[in-house]
Amino acid sequence: MHNKLAIILALLVLVAFGCGKKSTYSTKDGEVTVDQKGGKVTIESRSKDGNATFTANDSGVALPDKFPKDMPIYKGAVVKAASTQGKSMMVHMVVPASAADALKFYQDQLKDQGWEIQSTMNMGEGSMLSAKKAGRQCSALVLKQDKETVVQITVAQEGS
Protein backbone atom coordinates (compact mmCIF):
# COMPACT_ATOMS: atom_id res chain seq x y z
CA MET A 1 0.00 0.00 0.00
CA HIS A 2 2.79 2.45 0.90
CA ASN A 3 4.59 1.68 -2.39
CA LYS A 4 1.46 2.45 -4.44
CA LEU A 5 0.92 5.69 -2.51
CA ALA A 6 4.58 6.70 -3.03
CA ILE A 7 4.35 5.97 -6.78
CA ILE A 8 1.11 7.92 -7.12
CA LEU A 9 2.58 10.84 -5.15
CA ALA A 10 5.74 10.80 -7.32
CA LEU A 11 3.62 10.82 -10.51
CA LEU A 12 1.55 13.73 -9.21
CA VAL A 13 4.72 15.71 -8.44
CA LEU A 14 6.09 14.99 -11.94
CA VAL A 15 2.84 16.06 -13.58
CA ALA A 16 2.53 19.20 -11.46
CA PHE A 17 6.13 20.40 -11.70
CA GLY A 18 8.14 18.51 -14.29
CA CYS A 19 6.03 17.58 -17.25
CA GLY A 20 4.17 20.82 -17.67
CA LYS A 21 0.86 21.41 -19.36
CA LYS A 22 -0.12 22.28 -22.91
CA SER A 23 -3.60 23.54 -23.75
CA THR A 24 -5.12 24.90 -26.95
CA TYR A 25 -8.11 27.21 -26.95
CA SER A 26 -10.20 28.05 -29.99
CA THR A 27 -11.84 31.43 -30.47
CA LYS A 28 -13.80 32.97 -33.31
CA ASP A 29 -10.56 34.66 -34.43
CA GLY A 30 -8.21 31.65 -34.27
CA GLU A 31 -6.38 29.46 -31.78
CA VAL A 32 -4.22 30.12 -28.74
CA THR A 33 -1.86 27.46 -27.37
CA VAL A 34 -0.37 27.78 -23.89
CA ASP A 35 2.57 25.47 -23.17
CA GLN A 36 4.04 25.41 -19.66
CA LYS A 37 7.13 23.37 -18.86
CA GLY A 38 8.56 24.04 -15.42
CA GLY A 39 9.09 27.80 -15.19
CA LYS A 40 8.91 28.37 -18.96
CA VAL A 41 5.67 29.52 -20.54
CA THR A 42 5.11 29.79 -24.31
CA ILE A 43 1.95 31.30 -25.75
CA GLU A 44 1.26 30.97 -29.47
CA SER A 45 -1.60 32.72 -31.20
CA ARG A 46 -2.70 31.80 -34.73
CA SER A 47 -5.34 33.85 -36.50
CA LYS A 48 -6.28 35.13 -39.92
CA ASP A 49 -4.49 38.38 -39.00
CA GLY A 50 -1.18 36.58 -38.40
CA ASN A 51 0.69 34.56 -35.83
CA ALA A 52 2.28 35.70 -32.59
CA THR A 53 4.53 33.94 -30.08
CA PHE A 54 5.47 34.96 -26.54
CA THR A 55 7.94 33.00 -24.40
CA ALA A 56 8.99 33.80 -20.83
CA ASN A 57 11.13 32.17 -18.17
CA ASP A 58 12.79 33.83 -15.20
CA SER A 59 15.95 31.77 -15.80
CA GLY A 60 16.11 32.84 -19.46
CA VAL A 61 14.78 32.12 -22.95
CA ALA A 62 16.31 32.13 -26.41
CA LEU A 63 16.22 35.12 -28.74
CA PRO A 64 13.60 34.84 -31.51
CA ASP A 65 14.86 32.76 -34.46
CA LYS A 66 15.17 35.69 -36.85
CA PHE A 67 16.37 38.28 -34.35
CA PRO A 68 18.52 40.75 -36.34
CA LYS A 69 22.28 40.15 -36.21
CA ASP A 70 22.87 43.92 -36.24
CA MET A 71 20.91 44.38 -33.01
CA PRO A 72 23.38 44.28 -30.10
CA ILE A 73 22.75 42.23 -26.97
CA TYR A 74 24.58 43.31 -23.81
CA LYS A 75 27.20 40.75 -22.76
CA GLY A 76 25.90 38.69 -19.85
CA ALA A 77 22.27 39.70 -20.45
CA VAL A 78 19.56 37.21 -19.44
CA VAL A 79 16.62 37.33 -21.84
CA LYS A 80 13.57 36.82 -19.61
CA ALA A 81 10.91 37.20 -22.33
CA ALA A 82 10.79 37.26 -26.12
CA SER A 83 7.97 37.73 -28.57
CA THR A 84 7.35 37.88 -32.29
CA GLN A 85 4.34 39.10 -34.21
CA GLY A 86 4.62 39.35 -37.95
CA LYS A 87 7.71 41.44 -38.68
CA SER A 88 7.99 42.77 -35.14
CA MET A 89 10.09 41.33 -32.32
CA MET A 90 10.58 42.21 -28.67
CA VAL A 91 13.07 41.00 -26.08
CA HIS A 92 12.97 41.84 -22.38
CA MET A 93 16.24 41.22 -20.52
CA VAL A 94 18.17 41.91 -17.37
CA VAL A 95 21.69 43.23 -17.92
CA PRO A 96 24.69 43.30 -15.55
CA ALA A 97 25.20 47.07 -15.75
CA SER A 98 23.88 50.36 -14.47
CA ALA A 99 21.05 51.94 -16.45
CA ALA A 100 23.41 54.72 -17.61
CA ASP A 101 26.02 52.21 -18.82
CA ALA A 102 23.39 50.10 -20.60
CA LEU A 103 21.98 53.15 -22.37
CA LYS A 104 25.47 54.25 -23.49
CA PHE A 105 26.16 50.70 -24.73
CA TYR A 106 23.04 50.73 -26.91
CA GLN A 107 23.71 54.24 -28.23
CA ASP A 108 27.30 53.33 -29.19
CA GLN A 109 26.61 49.81 -30.48
CA LEU A 110 23.60 50.79 -32.58
CA LYS A 111 25.65 53.57 -34.21
CA ASP A 112 28.50 51.10 -34.83
CA GLN A 113 26.03 48.71 -36.51
CA GLY A 114 24.81 51.47 -38.85
CA TRP A 115 21.61 52.44 -37.04
CA GLU A 116 20.70 56.14 -37.08
CA ILE A 117 19.68 57.32 -33.61
CA GLN A 118 16.43 59.28 -33.98
CA SER A 119 15.83 60.34 -30.40
CA THR A 120 16.87 59.77 -26.81
CA MET A 121 14.61 60.54 -23.89
CA ASN A 122 15.44 60.54 -20.17
CA MET A 123 12.46 59.61 -18.00
CA GLY A 124 13.92 59.74 -14.48
CA GLU A 125 14.35 56.07 -13.52
CA GLY A 126 14.83 55.11 -17.15
CA SER A 127 15.67 56.18 -20.65
CA MET A 128 14.51 55.34 -24.13
CA LEU A 129 16.14 55.66 -27.51
CA SER A 130 14.79 55.05 -30.97
CA ALA A 131 16.73 54.36 -34.15
CA LYS A 132 16.16 53.39 -37.77
CA LYS A 133 18.05 51.46 -40.41
CA ALA A 134 17.12 50.12 -43.85
CA GLY A 135 13.34 50.29 -43.42
CA ARG A 136 13.41 49.08 -39.83
CA GLN A 137 12.71 50.87 -36.55
CA CYS A 138 14.01 49.91 -33.14
CA SER A 139 13.62 51.18 -29.63
CA ALA A 140 15.57 50.42 -26.49
CA LEU A 141 13.94 51.10 -23.15
CA VAL A 142 16.38 50.99 -20.21
CA LEU A 143 14.95 50.96 -16.69
CA LYS A 144 16.18 50.47 -13.16
CA GLN A 145 13.72 48.05 -11.50
CA ASP A 146 14.39 47.14 -7.91
CA LYS A 147 18.10 46.25 -7.96
CA GLU A 148 18.22 45.19 -11.63
CA THR A 149 18.71 47.01 -14.91
CA VAL A 150 16.08 45.95 -17.41
CA VAL A 151 16.38 46.53 -21.15
CA GLN A 152 13.49 46.04 -23.56
CA ILE A 153 14.35 46.04 -27.26
CA THR A 154 11.69 46.26 -29.95
CA VAL A 155 12.53 45.87 -33.65
CA ALA A 156 9.99 46.20 -36.46
CA GLN A 157 9.73 46.81 -40.18
CA GLU A 158 8.52 50.35 -40.77
CA GLY A 159 4.77 50.35 -41.33
CA SER A 160 4.19 47.02 -39.57
C-alpha atoms as a PDB file:
ATOM      1  CA  MET A   1       0.000   0.000   0.000  1.00  0.00           C
ATOM      2  CA  HIS A   2       2.789   2.453   0.897  1.00  0.00           C
ATOM      3  CA  ASN A   3       4.587   1.678  -2.394  1.00  0.00           C
ATOM      4  CA  LYS A   4       1.458   2.455  -4.437  1.00  0.00           C
ATOM      5  CA  LEU A   5       0.923   5.687  -2.507  1.00  0.00           C
ATOM      6  CA  ALA A   6       4.578   6.702  -3.030  1.00  0.00           C
ATOM      7  CA  ILE A   7       4.348   5.973  -6.781  1.00  0.00           C
ATOM      8  CA  ILE A   8       1.106   7.925  -7.116  1.00  0.00           C
ATOM      9  CA  LEU A   9       2.578  10.839  -5.151  1.00  0.00           C
ATOM     10  CA  ALA A  10       5.739  10.804  -7.324  1.00  0.00           C
ATOM     11  CA  LEU A  11       3.623  10.820 -10.509  1.00  0.00           C
ATOM     12  CA  LEU A  12       1.546  13.729  -9.208  1.00  0.00           C
ATOM     13  CA  VAL A  13       4.716  15.712  -8.436  1.00  0.00           C
ATOM     14  CA  LEU A  14       6.090  14.994 -11.940  1.00  0.00           C
ATOM     15  CA  VAL A  15       2.836  16.057 -13.576  1.00  0.00           C
ATOM     16  CA  ALA A  16       2.530  19.202 -11.456  1.00  0.00           C
ATOM     17  CA  PHE A  17       6.130  20.400 -11.704  1.00  0.00           C
ATOM     18  CA  GLY A  18       8.136  18.510 -14.288  1.00  0.00           C
ATOM     19  CA  CYS A  19       6.025  17.579 -17.250  1.00  0.00           C
ATOM     20  CA  GLY A  20       4.166  20.821 -17.668  1.00  0.00           C
ATOM     21  CA  LYS A  21       0.862  21.410 -19.364  1.00  0.00           C
ATOM     22  CA  LYS A  22      -0.124  22.282 -22.910  1.00  0.00           C
ATOM     23  CA  SER A  23      -3.598  23.540 -23.753  1.00  0.00           C
ATOM     24  CA  THR A  24      -5.121  24.903 -26.950  1.00  0.00           C
ATOM     25  CA  TYR A  25      -8.112  27.209 -26.950  1.00  0.00           C
ATOM     26  CA  SER A  26     -10.203  28.048 -29.990  1.00  0.00           C
ATOM     27  CA  THR A  27     -11.836  31.425 -30.465  1.00  0.00           C
ATOM     28  CA  LYS A  28     -13.798  32.968 -33.313  1.00  0.00           C
ATOM     29  CA  ASP A  29     -10.558  34.657 -34.433  1.00  0.00           C
ATOM     30  CA  GLY A  30      -8.210  31.646 -34.273  1.00  0.00           C
ATOM     31  CA  GLU A  31      -6.383  29.459 -31.783  1.00  0.00           C
ATOM     32  CA  VAL A  32      -4.216  30.124 -28.742  1.00  0.00           C
ATOM     33  CA  THR A  33      -1.856  27.464 -27.373  1.00  0.00           C
ATOM     34  CA  VAL A  34      -0.373  27.784 -23.889  1.00  0.00           C
ATOM     35  CA  ASP A  35       2.566  25.471 -23.175  1.00  0.00           C
ATOM     36  CA  GLN A  36       4.038  25.413 -19.661  1.00  0.00           C
ATOM     37  CA  LYS A  37       7.129  23.365 -18.859  1.00  0.00           C
ATOM     38  CA  GLY A  38       8.559  24.036 -15.424  1.00  0.00           C
ATOM     39  CA  GLY A  39       9.090  27.795 -15.187  1.00  0.00           C
ATOM     40  CA  LYS A  40       8.912  28.366 -18.962  1.00  0.00           C
ATOM     41  CA  VAL A  41       5.668  29.518 -20.544  1.00  0.00           C
ATOM     42  CA  THR A  42       5.114  29.786 -24.309  1.00  0.00           C
ATOM     43  CA  ILE A  43       1.952  31.304 -25.751  1.00  0.00           C
ATOM     44  CA  GLU A  44       1.262  30.973 -29.472  1.00  0.00           C
ATOM     45  CA  SER A  45      -1.599  32.720 -31.202  1.00  0.00           C
ATOM     46  CA  ARG A  46      -2.700  31.797 -34.725  1.00  0.00           C
ATOM     47  CA  SER A  47      -5.339  33.847 -36.498  1.00  0.00           C
ATOM     48  CA  LYS A  48      -6.283  35.130 -39.917  1.00  0.00           C
ATOM     49  CA  ASP A  49      -4.494  38.379 -39.002  1.00  0.00           C
ATOM     50  CA  GLY A  50      -1.180  36.575 -38.400  1.00  0.00           C
ATOM     51  CA  ASN A  51       0.694  34.558 -35.834  1.00  0.00           C
ATOM     52  CA  ALA A  52       2.281  35.701 -32.587  1.00  0.00           C
ATOM     53  CA  THR A  53       4.529  33.935 -30.077  1.00  0.00           C
ATOM     54  CA  PHE A  54       5.469  34.962 -26.543  1.00  0.00           C
ATOM     55  CA  THR A  55       7.945  32.998 -24.404  1.00  0.00           C
ATOM     56  CA  ALA A  56       8.986  33.800 -20.834  1.00  0.00           C
ATOM     57  CA  ASN A  57      11.128  32.172 -18.168  1.00  0.00           C
ATOM     58  CA  ASP A  58      12.792  33.827 -15.202  1.00  0.00           C
ATOM     59  CA  SER A  59      15.948  31.771 -15.799  1.00  0.00           C
ATOM     60  CA  GLY A  60      16.106  32.844 -19.461  1.00  0.00           C
ATOM     61  CA  VAL A  61      14.781  32.119 -22.948  1.00  0.00           C
ATOM     62  CA  ALA A  62      16.315  32.131 -26.413  1.00  0.00           C
ATOM     63  CA  LEU A  63      16.218  35.116 -28.735  1.00  0.00           C
ATOM     64  CA  PRO A  64      13.604  34.838 -31.506  1.00  0.00           C
ATOM     65  CA  ASP A  65      14.857  32.764 -34.456  1.00  0.00           C
ATOM     66  CA  LYS A  66      15.173  35.690 -36.848  1.00  0.00           C
ATOM     67  CA  PHE A  67      16.372  38.283 -34.348  1.00  0.00           C
ATOM     68  CA  PRO A  68      18.523  40.755 -36.339  1.00  0.00           C
ATOM     69  CA  LYS A  69      22.279  40.146 -36.205  1.00  0.00           C
ATOM     70  CA  ASP A  70      22.873  43.917 -36.242  1.00  0.00           C
ATOM     71  CA  MET A  71      20.906  44.380 -33.013  1.00  0.00           C
ATOM     72  CA  PRO A  72      23.385  44.280 -30.104  1.00  0.00           C
ATOM     73  CA  ILE A  73      22.747  42.232 -26.967  1.00  0.00           C
ATOM     74  CA  TYR A  74      24.576  43.311 -23.814  1.00  0.00           C
ATOM     75  CA  LYS A  75      27.199  40.750 -22.755  1.00  0.00           C
ATOM     76  CA  GLY A  76      25.903  38.687 -19.847  1.00  0.00           C
ATOM     77  CA  ALA A  77      22.274  39.695 -20.452  1.00  0.00           C
ATOM     78  CA  VAL A  78      19.563  37.207 -19.440  1.00  0.00           C
ATOM     79  CA  VAL A  79      16.624  37.327 -21.837  1.00  0.00           C
ATOM     80  CA  LYS A  80      13.571  36.817 -19.613  1.00  0.00           C
ATOM     81  CA  ALA A  81      10.914  37.197 -22.333  1.00  0.00           C
ATOM     82  CA  ALA A  82      10.793  37.263 -26.119  1.00  0.00           C
ATOM     83  CA  SER A  83       7.966  37.728 -28.565  1.00  0.00           C
ATOM     84  CA  THR A  84       7.353  37.879 -32.294  1.00  0.00           C
ATOM     85  CA  GLN A  85       4.344  39.102 -34.208  1.00  0.00           C
ATOM     86  CA  GLY A  86       4.622  39.349 -37.953  1.00  0.00           C
ATOM     87  CA  LYS A  87       7.713  41.439 -38.684  1.00  0.00           C
ATOM     88  CA  SER A  88       7.993  42.769 -35.136  1.00  0.00           C
ATOM     89  CA  MET A  89      10.093  41.325 -32.317  1.00  0.00           C
ATOM     90  CA  MET A  90      10.581  42.211 -28.669  1.00  0.00           C
ATOM     91  CA  VAL A  91      13.072  40.997 -26.078  1.00  0.00           C
ATOM     92  CA  HIS A  92      12.973  41.837 -22.380  1.00  0.00           C
ATOM     93  CA  MET A  93      16.238  41.223 -20.522  1.00  0.00           C
ATOM     94  CA  VAL A  94      18.172  41.909 -17.365  1.00  0.00           C
ATOM     95  CA  VAL A  95      21.694  43.231 -17.922  1.00  0.00           C
ATOM     96  CA  PRO A  96      24.690  43.298 -15.548  1.00  0.00           C
ATOM     97  CA  ALA A  97      25.199  47.070 -15.748  1.00  0.00           C
ATOM     98  CA  SER A  98      23.877  50.356 -14.473  1.00  0.00           C
ATOM     99  CA  ALA A  99      21.048  51.942 -16.449  1.00  0.00           C
ATOM    100  CA  ALA A 100      23.410  54.717 -17.613  1.00  0.00           C
ATOM    101  CA  ASP A 101      26.024  52.205 -18.821  1.00  0.00           C
ATOM    102  CA  ALA A 102      23.393  50.099 -20.598  1.00  0.00           C
ATOM    103  CA  LEU A 103      21.978  53.149 -22.370  1.00  0.00           C
ATOM    104  CA  LYS A 104      25.465  54.250 -23.490  1.00  0.00           C
ATOM    105  CA  PHE A 105      26.160  50.700 -24.728  1.00  0.00           C
ATOM    106  CA  TYR A 106      23.039  50.728 -26.911  1.00  0.00           C
ATOM    107  CA  GLN A 107      23.710  54.238 -28.227  1.00  0.00           C
ATOM    108  CA  ASP A 108      27.297  53.326 -29.186  1.00  0.00           C
ATOM    109  CA  GLN A 109      26.611  49.805 -30.483  1.00  0.00           C
ATOM    110  CA  LEU A 110      23.601  50.791 -32.577  1.00  0.00           C
ATOM    111  CA  LYS A 111      25.655  53.574 -34.214  1.00  0.00           C
ATOM    112  CA  ASP A 112      28.504  51.102 -34.827  1.00  0.00           C
ATOM    113  CA  GLN A 113      26.029  48.714 -36.505  1.00  0.00           C
ATOM    114  CA  GLY A 114      24.806  51.468 -38.850  1.00  0.00           C
ATOM    115  CA  TRP A 115      21.614  52.443 -37.045  1.00  0.00           C
ATOM    116  CA  GLU A 116      20.704  56.143 -37.082  1.00  0.00           C
ATOM    117  CA  ILE A 117      19.676  57.316 -33.605  1.00  0.00           C
ATOM    118  CA  GLN A 118      16.434  59.283 -33.983  1.00  0.00           C
ATOM    119  CA  SER A 119      15.827  60.335 -30.402  1.00  0.00           C
ATOM    120  CA  THR A 120      16.869  59.774 -26.812  1.00  0.00           C
ATOM    121  CA  MET A 121      14.605  60.536 -23.888  1.00  0.00           C
ATOM    122  CA  ASN A 122      15.440  60.545 -20.169  1.00  0.00           C
ATOM    123  CA  MET A 123      12.462  59.606 -17.997  1.00  0.00           C
ATOM    124  CA  GLY A 124      13.918  59.736 -14.484  1.00  0.00           C
ATOM    125  CA  GLU A 125      14.352  56.070 -13.520  1.00  0.00           C
ATOM    126  CA  GLY A 126      14.831  55.106 -17.151  1.00  0.00           C
ATOM    127  CA  SER A 127      15.669  56.182 -20.651  1.00  0.00           C
ATOM    128  CA  MET A 128      14.511  55.340 -24.132  1.00  0.00           C
ATOM    129  CA  LEU A 129      16.136  55.662 -27.507  1.00  0.00           C
ATOM    130  CA  SER A 130      14.793  55.051 -30.971  1.00  0.00           C
ATOM    131  CA  ALA A 131      16.725  54.364 -34.154  1.00  0.00           C
ATOM    132  CA  LYS A 132      16.163  53.390 -37.766  1.00  0.00           C
ATOM    133  CA  LYS A 133      18.046  51.463 -40.414  1.00  0.00           C
ATOM    134  CA  ALA A 134      17.119  50.115 -43.850  1.00  0.00           C
ATOM    135  CA  GLY A 135      13.339  50.285 -43.425  1.00  0.00           C
ATOM    136  CA  ARG A 136      13.405  49.078 -39.826  1.00  0.00           C
ATOM    137  CA  GLN A 137      12.714  50.868 -36.552  1.00  0.00           C
ATOM    138  CA  CYS A 138      14.006  49.906 -33.142  1.00  0.00           C
ATOM    139  CA  SER A 139      13.618  51.181 -29.633  1.00  0.00           C
ATOM    140  CA  ALA A 140      15.566  50.424 -26.492  1.00  0.00           C
ATOM    141  CA  LEU A 141      13.936  51.100 -23.146  1.00  0.00           C
ATOM    142  CA  VAL A 142      16.375  50.992 -20.212  1.00  0.00           C
ATOM    143  CA  LEU A 143      14.950  50.964 -16.685  1.00  0.00           C
ATOM    144  CA  LYS A 144      16.178  50.469 -13.160  1.00  0.00           C
ATOM    145  CA  GLN A 145      13.719  48.046 -11.504  1.00  0.00           C
ATOM    146  CA  ASP A 146      14.387  47.136  -7.913  1.00  0.00           C
ATOM    147  CA  LYS A 147      18.097  46.251  -7.962  1.00  0.00           C
ATOM    148  CA  GLU A 148      18.221  45.187 -11.633  1.00  0.00           C
ATOM    149  CA  THR A 149      18.713  47.014 -14.906  1.00  0.00           C
ATOM    150  CA  VAL A 150      16.081  45.951 -17.408  1.00  0.00           C
ATOM    151  CA  VAL A 151      16.377  46.527 -21.153  1.00  0.00           C
ATOM    152  CA  GLN A 152      13.495  46.038 -23.558  1.00  0.00           C
ATOM    153  CA  ILE A 153      14.352  46.036 -27.256  1.00  0.00           C
ATOM    154  CA  THR A 154      11.691  46.258 -29.953  1.00  0.00           C
ATOM    155  CA  VAL A 155      12.529  45.866 -33.648  1.00  0.00           C
ATOM    156  CA  ALA A 156       9.995  46.199 -36.463  1.00  0.00           C
ATOM    157  CA  GLN A 157       9.729  46.810 -40.183  1.00  0.00           C
ATOM    158  CA  GLU A 158       8.518  50.352 -40.767  1.00  0.00           C
ATOM    159  CA  GLY A 159       4.773  50.353 -41.329  1.00  0.00           C
ATOM    160  CA  SER A 160       4.193  47.018 -39.572  1.00  0.00           C
END
